[in-house]
Amino acid sequence: MKKIKYFFNTHTLRFEKVEVPLRVRLLQMFGFIIASITTAIIIVILIFQYIDSPKEKLLRQQNEAYKANYSVLQDRVKQLELQMLELENRDNDVYRSIFEADPIPDSARLKLMEAKKEVLSIQNLTSTELTDNMAAQLNKLSLRVKFQDSSYVEINDMVKNKEKLLRAIPAIQPVSNKDLNRIGSSFGYRIDPIYKNIRMHQGLDFTAPAGTPIYATADGVVEVAGFSADGYGNKVVINHGFGYQTLYGHMVKVNTNAGQKVTRGQVIGYIGSTGKSTGPHCHYEVIKRGTKVDPIYYFYNDLTPEQFDRILKAAANNKQSLD
């Protein structure tokens, strides 16, 4: 039953019924509705702040599963990267060293890509970012595997060409030297016979009478054959492939032509004293990938260990070159 309210009217000195205007009633109703809606919104916000909806709960579970799977996959990727690194090191330090091939530079194996650091931790990555990150790592690993595979194909070709490689490496003395007494000057800094100052002597001098045969020390193709104005006089340069070249200088006569194929032990010329020379001899150089190296370490087909030791000491004792 609705309560009726009264108030005392001092003018009429009577109790009169309280009449609420319609405008006031509408305002009260509107205020109640606004307060109710506001309260409901606050309650919903508080509920969803601390309590997940069924959809959010499912998404959160899926995200946790993604993270767990990502951790497992990342551990597997790290294991594969360690195995890949071992194969790469073995490729450079073992397989390629056997065939004296250049190691593959790290840049070719995408080390720069490996050096990129992850900016976000796993806990802060979304499922899309996790997927993209894993895809990038797998793609990087796939590229390294593909590159390594091509390297092994190249090494396999080297194995097939091993005999050809051995024939291409300088392995005998260019002049008959059974008594081991024909080395006149060795590789290194020596006194120049003409200028009388110390200069780098980039080969070995073999002394012998003029007209003594000079032999190709490995199979190859003649690049230069004839007189040159660079001090070598009549010279022959042979390209043996696999990064090897040999040079024979100061010949009295050249016995080959540019472009001709020669084999180890073939006569390519005869000892003389042409060019910058102080007496009949053969100046012999070994060039490996563009760098002149000491030829004395390339006589292993000719010498026993004892003979090599003798020739090494004899070469070191000669302080003046012949050219």
Protein backbone atom coordinates (compact mmCIF):
# COMPACT_ATOMS: atom_id res chain seq x y z
CA MET A 1 0.00 0.00 0.00
CA LYS A 2 1.41 3.35 -1.07
CA LYS A 3 2.26 5.67 1.79
CA ILE A 4 0.71 9.11 1.67
CA LYS A 5 2.79 11.96 3.01
CA TYR A 6 1.42 15.09 4.59
CA PHE A 7 2.91 18.41 5.64
CA PHE A 8 1.63 21.23 7.92
CA ASN A 9 0.70 24.37 6.03
CA THR A 10 1.41 27.38 8.32
CA HIS A 11 -0.74 29.63 6.22
CA THR A 12 -3.85 27.55 6.40
CA LEU A 13 -2.92 25.93 9.72
CA ARG A 14 -3.91 22.58 8.25
CA PHE A 15 -2.22 19.26 7.25
CA GLU A 16 -2.13 18.91 3.54
CA LYS A 17 -1.13 16.00 1.28
CA VAL A 18 2.31 16.26 -0.36
CA GLU A 19 1.98 16.45 -4.14
CA VAL A 20 5.20 15.67 -6.14
CA PRO A 21 5.30 17.43 -9.52
CA LEU A 22 5.60 15.28 -12.65
CA ARG A 23 8.87 16.99 -13.68
CA VAL A 24 10.49 16.04 -10.36
CA ARG A 25 9.29 12.45 -10.73
CA LEU A 26 10.78 12.20 -14.21
CA LEU A 27 14.10 13.59 -12.98
CA GLN A 28 14.18 11.11 -10.11
CA MET A 29 13.46 8.23 -12.45
CA PHE A 30 16.12 9.36 -14.92
CA GLY A 31 18.71 9.73 -12.12
CA PHE A 32 17.90 6.24 -10.86
CA ILE A 33 18.34 4.77 -14.33
CA ILE A 34 21.69 6.55 -14.88
CA ALA A 35 22.96 5.43 -11.47
CA SER A 36 21.92 1.83 -12.19
CA ILE A 37 23.66 1.77 -15.58
CA THR A 38 26.83 3.31 -14.14
CA THR A 39 26.89 0.81 -11.30
CA ALA A 40 26.37 -2.07 -13.75
CA ILE A 41 29.25 -0.87 -15.97
CA ILE A 42 31.60 -0.61 -13.01
CA ILE A 43 30.65 -4.09 -11.84
CA VAL A 44 31.22 -5.55 -15.36
CA ILE A 45 34.61 -3.83 -15.68
CA LEU A 46 35.72 -5.18 -12.30
CA ILE A 47 34.51 -8.67 -13.17
CA PHE A 48 36.31 -8.81 -16.55
CA GLN A 49 39.41 -7.26 -15.06
CA TYR A 50 39.98 -10.22 -12.77
CA ILE A 51 37.83 -12.96 -14.25
CA ASP A 52 38.30 -14.16 -17.87
CA SER A 53 35.38 -14.69 -20.15
CA PRO A 54 35.08 -18.23 -21.63
CA LYS A 55 36.49 -16.97 -24.94
CA GLU A 56 39.40 -15.20 -23.26
CA LYS A 57 40.07 -18.27 -21.15
CA LEU A 58 40.27 -20.40 -24.32
CA LEU A 59 42.54 -17.88 -26.07
CA ARG A 60 44.79 -17.71 -23.01
CA GLN A 61 45.09 -21.50 -22.93
CA GLN A 62 45.91 -21.55 -26.65
CA ASN A 63 48.53 -18.82 -26.16
CA GLU A 64 50.17 -20.78 -23.33
CA ALA A 65 50.22 -23.86 -25.55
CA TYR A 66 51.85 -21.81 -28.34
CA LYS A 67 54.53 -20.60 -25.94
CA ALA A 68 55.23 -24.11 -24.68
CA ASN A 69 55.48 -25.44 -28.24
CA TYR A 70 57.67 -22.49 -29.22
CA SER A 71 60.08 -23.25 -26.36
CA VAL A 72 60.34 -26.88 -27.47
CA LEU A 73 60.87 -25.88 -31.10
CA GLN A 74 63.42 -23.24 -30.14
CA ASP A 75 65.42 -25.82 -28.17
CA ARG A 76 65.34 -28.07 -31.22
CA VAL A 77 66.47 -25.22 -33.47
CA LYS A 78 69.38 -24.50 -31.11
CA GLN A 79 70.42 -28.17 -31.26
CA LEU A 80 70.23 -28.09 -35.05
CA GLU A 81 72.28 -24.87 -35.14
CA LEU A 82 74.98 -26.49 -32.96
CA GLN A 83 75.05 -29.51 -35.27
CA MET A 84 75.15 -27.19 -38.27
CA LEU A 85 78.03 -25.23 -36.72
CA GLU A 86 79.95 -28.47 -36.14
CA LEU A 87 79.46 -29.47 -39.79
CA GLU A 88 80.58 -26.03 -40.96
CA ASN A 89 83.72 -26.15 -38.80
CA ARG A 90 84.48 -29.67 -39.98
CA ASP A 91 83.96 -28.51 -43.56
CA ASN A 92 86.43 -25.62 -43.19
CA ASP A 93 89.00 -27.21 -40.87
CA VAL A 94 89.04 -30.80 -42.13
CA TYR A 95 87.51 -31.50 -45.51
CA ARG A 96 88.64 -28.34 -47.29
CA SER A 97 92.08 -28.38 -45.69
CA ILE A 98 92.65 -31.89 -47.09
CA PHE A 99 92.16 -30.55 -50.60
CA GLU A 100 93.84 -27.19 -49.83
CA ALA A 101 90.62 -25.39 -50.74
CA ASP A 102 89.70 -21.95 -49.41
CA PRO A 103 87.40 -22.08 -46.37
CA ILE A 104 83.94 -20.65 -46.85
CA PRO A 105 83.71 -17.20 -45.24
CA ASP A 106 81.31 -16.85 -42.33
CA SER A 107 79.36 -14.16 -44.14
CA ALA A 108 78.39 -16.70 -46.77
CA ARG A 109 76.86 -18.82 -44.08
CA LEU A 110 74.58 -16.04 -42.90
CA LYS A 111 76.44 -15.24 -39.68
CA LEU A 112 75.19 -11.67 -39.96
CA MET A 113 71.64 -12.96 -39.83
CA GLU A 114 72.51 -15.05 -36.77
CA ALA A 115 73.92 -12.00 -35.00
CA LYS A 116 70.50 -10.28 -34.86
CA LYS A 117 69.24 -10.27 -31.28
CA GLU A 118 65.64 -10.97 -30.34
CA VAL A 119 64.03 -7.77 -29.13
CA LEU A 120 61.05 -9.35 -27.40
CA SER A 121 61.08 -12.18 -24.89
CA ILE A 122 58.86 -15.23 -25.34
CA GLN A 123 56.47 -14.06 -22.62
CA ASN A 124 55.75 -10.82 -24.50
CA LEU A 125 55.28 -12.31 -27.96
CA THR A 126 51.87 -12.81 -29.48
CA SER A 127 51.04 -16.07 -31.25
CA THR A 128 51.58 -14.35 -34.61
CA GLU A 129 54.96 -13.02 -33.51
CA LEU A 130 55.93 -16.44 -32.18
CA THR A 131 55.04 -18.02 -35.51
CA ASP A 132 56.89 -15.37 -37.51
CA ASN A 133 59.95 -15.64 -35.26
CA MET A 134 60.07 -19.41 -35.57
CA ALA A 135 59.53 -19.24 -39.33
CA ALA A 136 62.44 -16.80 -39.65
CA GLN A 137 64.76 -19.08 -37.64
CA LEU A 138 63.77 -22.15 -39.64
CA ASN A 139 64.22 -20.24 -42.90
CA LYS A 140 67.68 -19.09 -41.79
CA LEU A 141 68.62 -22.66 -40.83
CA SER A 142 67.26 -23.94 -44.14
CA LEU A 143 69.47 -21.49 -46.06
CA ARG A 144 72.53 -22.63 -44.10
CA VAL A 145 71.72 -26.28 -44.76
CA LYS A 146 71.28 -25.56 -48.45
CA PHE A 147 74.61 -23.71 -48.60
CA GLN A 148 76.34 -26.50 -46.68
CA ASP A 149 74.87 -29.06 -49.06
CA SER A 150 76.33 -27.20 -52.04
CA SER A 151 79.69 -27.14 -50.22
CA TYR A 152 79.63 -30.92 -49.82
CA VAL A 153 78.79 -31.27 -53.51
CA GLU A 154 81.91 -29.20 -54.24
CA ILE A 155 83.98 -31.36 -51.89
CA ASN A 156 82.59 -34.47 -53.56
CA ASP A 157 83.82 -33.08 -56.87
CA MET A 158 87.22 -32.53 -55.25
CA VAL A 159 87.26 -36.18 -54.17
CA LYS A 160 86.51 -37.25 -57.72
CA ASN A 161 89.30 -34.96 -58.96
CA LYS A 162 91.78 -36.01 -56.27
CA GLU A 163 94.09 -37.68 -58.79
CA LYS A 164 93.93 -34.62 -61.02
CA LEU A 165 94.64 -32.43 -57.99
CA LEU A 166 97.70 -34.48 -57.04
CA ARG A 167 99.00 -34.20 -60.60
CA ALA A 168 98.52 -30.42 -60.45
CA ILE A 169 100.51 -29.80 -57.26
CA PRO A 170 104.23 -29.03 -57.90
CA ALA A 171 106.02 -32.01 -56.38
CA ILE A 172 109.47 -32.44 -57.99
CA GLN A 173 112.58 -30.33 -58.51
CA PRO A 174 112.70 -28.50 -61.85
CA VAL A 175 116.30 -29.61 -62.43
CA SER A 176 117.88 -33.03 -61.97
CA ASN A 177 119.56 -32.79 -58.57
CA LYS A 178 120.45 -36.28 -57.37
CA ASP A 179 123.47 -35.08 -55.41
CA LEU A 180 121.43 -32.25 -53.77
CA ASN A 181 124.16 -29.71 -54.52
CA ARG A 182 122.52 -27.56 -57.19
CA ILE A 183 120.54 -25.15 -55.03
CA GLY A 184 122.38 -21.86 -55.26
CA SER A 185 120.02 -19.62 -53.30
CA SER A 186 116.86 -20.16 -51.30
CA PHE A 187 113.58 -18.34 -50.75
CA GLY A 188 113.75 -15.27 -48.50
CA TYR A 189 115.74 -12.08 -48.02
CA ARG A 190 119.08 -12.39 -49.81
CA ILE A 191 121.87 -10.09 -51.00
CA ASP A 192 121.20 -8.96 -54.57
CA PRO A 193 124.23 -9.85 -56.73
CA ILE A 194 123.94 -6.68 -58.82
CA TYR A 195 122.64 -4.00 -56.46
CA LYS A 196 124.40 -5.48 -53.39
CA ASN A 197 121.49 -4.74 -51.07
CA ILE A 198 119.14 -7.10 -49.26
CA ARG A 199 116.06 -7.92 -51.29
CA MET A 200 113.30 -10.50 -51.15
CA HIS A 201 114.22 -13.51 -53.27
CA GLN A 202 110.90 -15.12 -54.15
CA GLY A 203 112.13 -18.45 -55.46
CA LEU A 204 114.92 -21.01 -55.56
CA ASP A 205 118.01 -20.80 -57.78
CA PHE A 206 119.23 -24.11 -59.23
CA THR A 207 122.79 -23.92 -60.58
CA ALA A 208 123.74 -26.15 -63.50
CA PRO A 209 125.66 -25.91 -66.78
CA ALA A 210 123.99 -24.01 -69.61
CA GLY A 211 121.77 -26.31 -71.64
CA THR A 212 120.74 -28.52 -68.69
CA PRO A 213 117.06 -29.54 -69.11
CA ILE A 214 114.38 -27.87 -67.01
CA TYR A 215 111.30 -29.95 -66.18
CA ALA A 216 107.68 -29.02 -65.49
CA THR A 217 107.05 -29.84 -61.84
CA ALA A 218 103.34 -30.63 -62.30
CA ASP A 219 100.70 -31.03 -65.00
CA GLY A 220 99.24 -27.82 -66.39
CA VAL A 221 98.85 -25.38 -69.26
CA VAL A 222 101.60 -22.98 -70.31
CA GLU A 223 100.54 -19.36 -69.84
CA VAL A 224 103.80 -17.59 -70.77
CA ALA A 225 106.66 -18.89 -72.91
CA GLY A 226 109.40 -16.58 -74.20
CA PHE A 227 111.48 -13.55 -73.38
CA SER A 228 110.20 -10.98 -70.88
CA ALA A 229 111.60 -7.63 -69.82
CA ASP A 230 110.86 -8.17 -66.10
CA GLY A 231 114.33 -9.54 -65.33
CA TYR A 232 113.50 -13.21 -65.79
CA GLY A 233 114.79 -13.27 -69.37
CA ASN A 234 113.45 -16.30 -71.21
CA LYS A 235 110.82 -17.68 -68.88
CA VAL A 236 107.91 -20.12 -68.73
CA VAL A 237 104.86 -19.76 -66.51
CA ILE A 238 102.58 -22.79 -66.10
CA ASN A 239 99.06 -22.71 -64.70
CA HIS A 240 98.39 -26.02 -62.97
CA GLY A 241 94.85 -25.26 -61.81
CA PHE A 242 93.57 -25.55 -58.24
CA GLY A 243 95.27 -22.20 -57.51
CA TYR A 244 98.82 -23.30 -58.42
CA GLN A 245 101.29 -21.73 -60.85
CA THR A 246 105.02 -22.20 -61.36
CA LEU A 247 107.61 -19.90 -62.97
CA TYR A 248 110.95 -20.91 -64.54
CA GLY A 249 113.35 -18.09 -65.45
CA HIS A 250 116.65 -17.25 -67.20
CA MET A 251 116.43 -20.06 -69.80
CA VAL A 252 118.81 -20.14 -72.72
CA LYS A 253 116.04 -21.73 -74.76
CA VAL A 254 112.31 -22.25 -74.25
CA ASN A 255 111.00 -25.65 -75.33
CA THR A 256 107.25 -25.03 -75.15
CA ASN A 257 104.56 -22.61 -76.34
CA ALA A 258 101.82 -20.61 -74.64
CA GLY A 259 98.59 -22.60 -74.49
CA GLN A 260 100.36 -25.96 -74.63
CA LYS A 261 99.47 -28.69 -72.14
CA VAL A 262 102.44 -30.14 -70.28
CA THR A 263 102.87 -33.02 -67.86
CA ARG A 264 105.08 -33.41 -64.80
CA GLY A 265 108.64 -34.23 -65.84
CA GLN A 266 108.29 -32.84 -69.38
CA VAL A 267 111.22 -30.73 -70.63
CA ILE A 268 110.02 -27.13 -71.03
CA GLY A 269 113.38 -25.39 -71.58
CA TYR A 270 117.09 -25.33 -70.85
CA ILE A 271 119.19 -23.55 -68.24
CA GLY A 272 120.78 -20.28 -69.29
CA SER A 273 121.67 -16.85 -67.97
CA THR A 274 119.25 -14.50 -69.76
CA GLY A 275 117.69 -11.46 -68.12
CA LYS A 276 118.97 -10.20 -64.75
CA SER A 277 121.33 -13.07 -64.02
CA THR A 278 124.95 -13.48 -62.94
CA GLY A 279 125.43 -17.04 -64.15
CA PRO A 280 123.71 -20.10 -65.62
CA HIS A 281 120.86 -21.19 -63.38
CA CYS A 282 117.11 -21.77 -63.22
CA HIS A 283 115.11 -19.41 -61.05
CA TYR A 284 112.07 -21.40 -59.88
CA GLU A 285 108.94 -20.03 -58.18
CA VAL A 286 105.75 -21.61 -56.83
CA ILE A 287 102.69 -19.35 -56.72
CA LYS A 288 99.72 -20.47 -54.65
CA ARG A 289 96.51 -18.50 -55.13
CA GLY A 290 98.47 -15.44 -56.24
CA THR A 291 101.05 -15.56 -53.43
CA LYS A 292 104.64 -16.67 -53.98
CA VAL A 293 105.58 -19.39 -51.49
CA ASP A 294 108.79 -21.25 -50.66
CA PRO A 295 109.23 -23.96 -53.36
CA ILE A 296 111.40 -26.08 -51.10
CA TYR A 297 108.28 -27.52 -49.46
CA TYR A 298 107.06 -28.89 -52.80
CA PHE A 299 109.69 -31.56 -53.48
CA TYR A 300 108.07 -34.42 -51.58
CA ASN A 301 107.92 -36.68 -54.65
CA ASP A 302 111.68 -36.34 -55.05
CA LEU A 303 113.16 -36.46 -51.57
CA THR A 304 113.28 -38.65 -48.50
CA PRO A 305 113.00 -36.91 -45.10
CA GLU A 306 116.79 -37.08 -44.69
CA GLN A 307 117.38 -35.59 -48.15
CA PHE A 308 114.84 -32.85 -47.48
CA ASP A 309 116.67 -31.94 -44.27
CA ARG A 310 119.97 -31.75 -46.16
CA ILE A 311 118.59 -29.57 -48.94
CA LEU A 312 116.87 -27.28 -46.43
CA LYS A 313 120.16 -26.64 -44.59
CA ALA A 314 122.07 -26.15 -47.84
CA ALA A 315 119.56 -23.59 -49.09
CA ALA A 316 119.70 -21.63 -45.83
CA ASN A 317 123.48 -21.28 -46.03
CA ASN A 318 123.44 -19.36 -49.33
CA LYS A 319 123.07 -15.69 -48.48
CA GLN A 320 123.36 -14.27 -52.02
CA SER A 321 121.03 -14.94 -54.93
CA LEU A 322 122.07 -15.37 -58.55
CA ASP A 323 119.50 -12.92 -59.98
